[in-house]
Amino acid sequence: MRILLTRPEPEGLRSAARLRALGHQVTHAPLMRGENLDVSITGSFAAVLMTSANAARAIVDHPRFPELSKLPVLAVGDRSAEVARAVGFSDVASAQGALDELVRLAAARFANARLLYLAGEDRAGDVAGELAARGIEVETAVIYRAVAVAALPAETAQARGAGRLDAVLHYSRRSAETLLRLSAEAGAVNAVLGISHYCLSGEVAVPLRQAGARRITIAPLPGELSLFGLL
């Protein structure tokens, strides 16, 4: 299958390599790039929450990282847990890709505690709000953001123009929205809507449905292996 992968680096490079190993032709054209943000983190915490591998990478440059790295980490999925360990956290648990499971784990292990949530500027779900409803105080530190590219990457435009795309993989709602917006600006939105769209979750698929895409398939589980299993 000829696949467009818009996932940002460095995760996108890993995903592209895995897809090629499965025999697919991949056009990797990231639509977003990560940017670390300065943030004040105050007080003490019982544990750290992460819903993205980007959070683990971003906290490494923070002055409090040596202290925070000694705390337990609850990560939303296996990849974010893997990166957390790689940057220096030793006590890391994965919620297997589910936000509700992350909330459940946090509530079970750290009742009445104060937790630190290392978050992105744009995020799905309300981890802090759900835990607050369970009596757990959470400080949300927005430590990174995703910045959209200014125009449709040349690789994407060339592949689309030559009819060399069968499908797009979507990992986030914002990347799907960005692809639709940039395609419209390039006069290519109808061509993009006409190919198959494979989405990590129902939330990711929302802008595609609203734009009129008809060939949308959603992964049964919120993980890359489940997404790849659709192909």
Protein backbone atom coordinates (compact mmCIF):
# COMPACT_ATOMS: atom_id res chain seq x y z
CA MET A 1 0.00 0.00 0.00
CA ARG A 2 1.17 3.56 -0.75
CA ILE A 3 0.86 5.45 2.51
CA LEU A 4 1.16 9.08 3.55
CA LEU A 5 2.53 9.41 7.08
CA THR A 6 2.29 12.88 8.60
CA ARG A 7 3.48 11.97 12.11
CA PRO A 8 6.17 14.34 13.48
CA GLU A 9 9.77 13.29 14.02
CA PRO A 10 11.29 11.44 15.75
CA GLU A 11 8.27 9.14 16.21
CA GLY A 12 7.39 9.43 12.53
CA LEU A 13 10.77 8.06 11.48
CA ARG A 14 10.23 4.94 13.59
CA SER A 15 6.71 4.50 12.23
CA ALA A 16 7.88 4.91 8.63
CA ALA A 17 10.59 2.28 9.12
CA ARG A 18 8.10 -0.17 10.57
CA LEU A 19 5.68 0.37 7.71
CA ARG A 20 8.40 -0.16 5.12
CA ALA A 21 9.45 -3.35 6.88
CA LEU A 22 5.86 -4.54 6.43
CA GLY A 23 6.17 -3.96 2.69
CA HIS A 24 4.40 -0.61 2.35
CA GLN A 25 5.59 2.38 0.31
CA VAL A 26 5.76 5.37 2.63
CA THR A 27 5.80 9.10 1.99
CA HIS A 28 6.82 10.64 5.30
CA ALA A 29 5.95 14.33 5.43
CA PRO A 30 5.56 15.62 9.02
CA LEU A 31 2.89 18.31 9.37
CA MET A 32 3.80 19.28 12.94
CA ARG A 33 6.99 19.91 14.88
CA GLY A 34 7.50 19.87 18.63
CA GLU A 35 8.57 22.96 20.56
CA ASN A 36 9.55 22.95 24.25
CA LEU A 37 8.07 25.64 26.50
CA ASP A 38 9.43 27.30 29.64
CA VAL A 39 7.18 26.49 32.58
CA SER A 40 7.30 27.03 36.33
CA ILE A 41 6.84 23.86 38.37
CA THR A 42 6.26 24.46 42.07
CA GLY A 43 5.83 22.29 45.13
CA SER A 44 6.31 18.58 45.70
CA PHE A 45 4.62 15.63 44.02
CA ALA A 46 4.00 11.94 44.56
CA ALA A 47 4.22 11.03 40.87
CA VAL A 48 4.38 12.33 37.30
CA LEU A 49 1.74 11.82 34.59
CA MET A 50 2.54 11.85 30.86
CA THR A 51 0.24 11.48 27.87
CA SER A 52 2.95 11.85 25.22
CA ALA A 53 6.56 10.88 24.65
CA ASN A 54 7.14 14.57 23.88
CA ALA A 55 6.60 15.36 27.55
CA ALA A 56 9.44 13.04 28.57
CA ARG A 57 11.79 14.66 26.08
CA ALA A 58 10.81 18.19 27.09
CA ILE A 59 11.25 17.77 30.86
CA VAL A 60 14.91 16.75 30.46
CA ASP A 61 15.92 20.41 30.00
CA HIS A 62 13.96 21.65 33.03
CA PRO A 63 15.96 22.67 36.15
CA ARG A 64 13.89 20.30 38.30
CA PHE A 65 14.46 17.24 36.13
CA PRO A 66 17.09 15.60 38.41
CA GLU A 67 14.56 15.73 41.25
CA LEU A 68 11.50 14.75 39.21
CA SER A 69 13.29 11.84 37.54
CA LYS A 70 13.28 10.03 40.89
CA LEU A 71 9.46 10.01 41.03
CA PRO A 72 7.17 7.25 39.74
CA VAL A 73 5.77 7.93 36.26
CA LEU A 74 2.39 6.90 34.87
CA ALA A 75 2.49 7.10 31.07
CA VAL A 76 -0.51 6.79 28.79
CA GLY A 77 1.09 4.20 26.49
CA ASP A 78 4.05 1.92 25.93
CA ARG A 79 5.94 4.35 23.68
CA SER A 80 5.67 7.26 26.11
CA ALA A 81 6.76 4.87 28.89
CA GLU A 82 9.72 3.71 26.81
CA VAL A 83 10.90 7.28 26.19
CA ALA A 84 10.42 8.18 29.87
CA ARG A 85 12.76 5.34 30.82
CA ALA A 86 15.24 6.34 28.12
CA VAL A 87 15.58 9.92 29.41
CA GLY A 88 16.19 8.81 33.00
CA PHE A 89 12.95 7.88 34.82
CA SER A 90 13.33 4.44 36.42
CA ASP A 91 9.88 3.72 37.93
CA VAL A 92 7.53 3.85 34.92
CA ALA A 93 4.13 2.22 34.34
CA SER A 94 2.11 2.22 31.12
CA ALA A 95 -1.67 2.58 30.82
CA GLN A 96 -1.57 0.73 27.49
CA GLY A 97 -2.69 3.73 25.44
CA ALA A 98 -5.94 4.61 27.23
CA LEU A 99 -6.61 7.91 29.02
CA ASP A 100 -9.33 6.41 31.20
CA GLU A 101 -6.94 3.66 32.28
CA LEU A 102 -4.31 6.29 33.11
CA VAL A 103 -6.83 8.04 35.35
CA ARG A 104 -7.79 4.73 36.97
CA LEU A 105 -4.16 3.83 37.66
CA ALA A 106 -3.42 7.23 39.14
CA ALA A 107 -6.50 7.12 41.37
CA ALA A 108 -5.69 3.61 42.58
CA ARG A 109 -2.02 4.21 43.31
CA PHE A 110 -1.98 7.83 44.50
CA ALA A 111 -5.24 8.56 46.31
CA ASN A 112 -5.16 11.91 48.19
CA ALA A 113 -1.75 12.70 46.67
CA ARG A 114 -0.52 15.67 44.60
CA LEU A 115 0.54 14.76 41.07
CA LEU A 116 2.37 16.56 38.27
CA TYR A 117 0.92 16.30 34.78
CA LEU A 118 3.45 17.14 32.05
CA ALA A 119 1.13 18.22 29.27
CA GLY A 120 1.07 19.56 25.74
CA GLU A 121 -0.61 22.81 24.77
CA ASP A 122 -3.20 20.86 22.77
CA ARG A 123 -4.47 17.67 24.35
CA ALA A 124 -7.44 15.36 24.22
CA GLY A 125 -9.33 14.59 27.39
CA ASP A 126 -9.16 16.21 30.82
CA VAL A 127 -6.85 14.10 32.94
CA ALA A 128 -6.48 16.74 35.65
CA GLY A 129 -10.22 17.37 35.82
CA GLU A 130 -11.09 13.69 36.09
CA LEU A 131 -8.57 13.17 38.86
CA ALA A 132 -9.73 16.29 40.67
CA ALA A 133 -13.23 14.79 40.71
CA ARG A 134 -11.68 11.84 42.57
CA GLY A 135 -10.06 14.09 45.15
CA ILE A 136 -6.57 14.07 43.66
CA GLU A 137 -4.77 17.37 43.18
CA VAL A 138 -2.96 17.72 39.86
CA GLU A 139 -0.64 20.51 38.75
CA THR A 140 -0.69 20.73 34.96
CA ALA A 141 2.59 21.97 33.52
CA VAL A 142 2.29 22.77 29.80
CA ILE A 143 5.83 21.90 28.77
CA TYR A 144 5.60 21.52 24.98
CA ARG A 145 3.45 22.35 22.01
CA ALA A 146 3.01 21.15 18.46
CA VAL A 147 3.50 23.78 15.76
CA ALA A 148 1.98 23.23 12.31
CA VAL A 149 4.06 23.66 9.16
CA ALA A 150 3.17 26.62 6.95
CA ALA A 151 2.40 24.72 3.75
CA LEU A 152 1.80 21.23 2.45
CA PRO A 153 5.22 19.51 2.28
CA ALA A 154 6.60 19.03 -1.23
CA GLU A 155 6.71 15.24 -0.74
CA THR A 156 2.98 15.20 -0.05
CA ALA A 157 2.07 17.44 -2.97
CA GLN A 158 4.20 15.43 -5.39
CA ALA A 159 2.82 12.06 -4.26
CA ARG A 160 -0.76 13.31 -4.36
CA GLY A 161 -0.31 14.96 -7.76
CA ALA A 162 1.11 11.80 -9.27
CA GLY A 163 -1.66 9.65 -7.81
CA ARG A 164 0.83 7.75 -5.68
CA LEU A 165 -1.21 7.65 -2.47
CA ASP A 166 -3.66 5.00 -1.32
CA ALA A 167 -4.08 6.00 2.29
CA VAL A 168 -3.17 8.36 5.13
CA LEU A 169 -2.45 7.36 8.73
CA HIS A 170 -3.73 9.81 11.34
CA TYR A 171 -2.36 9.85 14.89
CA SER A 172 -4.00 13.03 16.21
CA ARG A 173 -7.02 15.19 15.53
CA ARG A 174 -4.85 18.25 15.07
CA SER A 175 -2.66 16.62 12.43
CA ALA A 176 -5.81 15.56 10.55
CA GLU A 177 -7.15 19.12 10.75
CA THR A 178 -3.81 20.46 9.55
CA LEU A 179 -3.74 18.12 6.56
CA LEU A 180 -7.24 19.19 5.54
CA ARG A 181 -6.43 22.90 5.92
CA LEU A 182 -3.15 22.77 4.01
CA SER A 183 -4.69 20.59 1.30
CA ALA A 184 -7.51 23.11 0.86
CA GLU A 185 -4.99 25.94 0.58
CA ALA A 186 -3.14 23.94 -2.09
CA GLY A 187 -6.35 23.16 -3.99
CA ALA A 188 -6.01 19.46 -3.28
CA VAL A 189 -8.55 18.75 -0.55
CA ASN A 190 -10.86 16.69 -2.76
CA ALA A 191 -7.99 14.42 -3.77
CA VAL A 192 -7.05 13.92 -0.12
CA LEU A 193 -10.64 13.22 0.92
CA GLY A 194 -10.90 10.59 -1.80
CA ILE A 195 -8.24 8.24 -0.40
CA SER A 196 -8.50 5.93 2.61
CA HIS A 197 -7.99 7.34 6.11
CA TYR A 198 -6.85 5.17 9.02
CA CYS A 199 -7.29 6.83 12.42
CA LEU A 200 -5.94 6.06 15.87
CA SER A 201 -9.30 6.88 17.51
CA GLY A 202 -12.80 8.15 16.84
CA GLU A 203 -11.81 11.60 18.07
CA VAL A 204 -9.01 11.75 15.48
CA ALA A 205 -11.54 10.97 12.74
CA VAL A 206 -13.98 13.79 13.61
CA PRO A 207 -12.59 16.51 11.27
CA LEU A 208 -12.31 13.99 8.44
CA ARG A 209 -15.96 13.03 8.76
CA GLN A 210 -16.97 16.67 8.95
CA ALA A 211 -14.99 17.42 5.78
CA GLY A 212 -16.70 14.62 3.87
CA ALA A 213 -14.18 11.79 3.85
CA ARG A 214 -16.01 8.51 3.38
CA ARG A 215 -13.33 5.85 3.62
CA ILE A 216 -12.46 6.13 7.30
CA THR A 217 -11.34 3.21 9.45
CA ILE A 218 -10.68 3.51 13.19
CA ALA A 219 -8.23 1.36 15.13
CA PRO A 220 -9.96 -0.89 17.69
CA LEU A 221 -7.32 0.03 20.27
CA PRO A 222 -5.47 3.37 20.66
CA GLY A 223 -2.02 2.08 19.71
CA GLU A 224 0.20 1.94 16.66
CA LEU A 225 0.13 -1.86 16.36
CA SER A 226 -3.64 -1.73 16.28
CA LEU A 227 -3.51 1.00 13.63
CA PHE A 228 -1.07 -0.97 11.49
CA GLY A 229 -3.33 -4.00 11.80
CA LEU A 230 -5.96 -2.18 9.72
CA LEU A 231 -3.75 -2.00 6.64
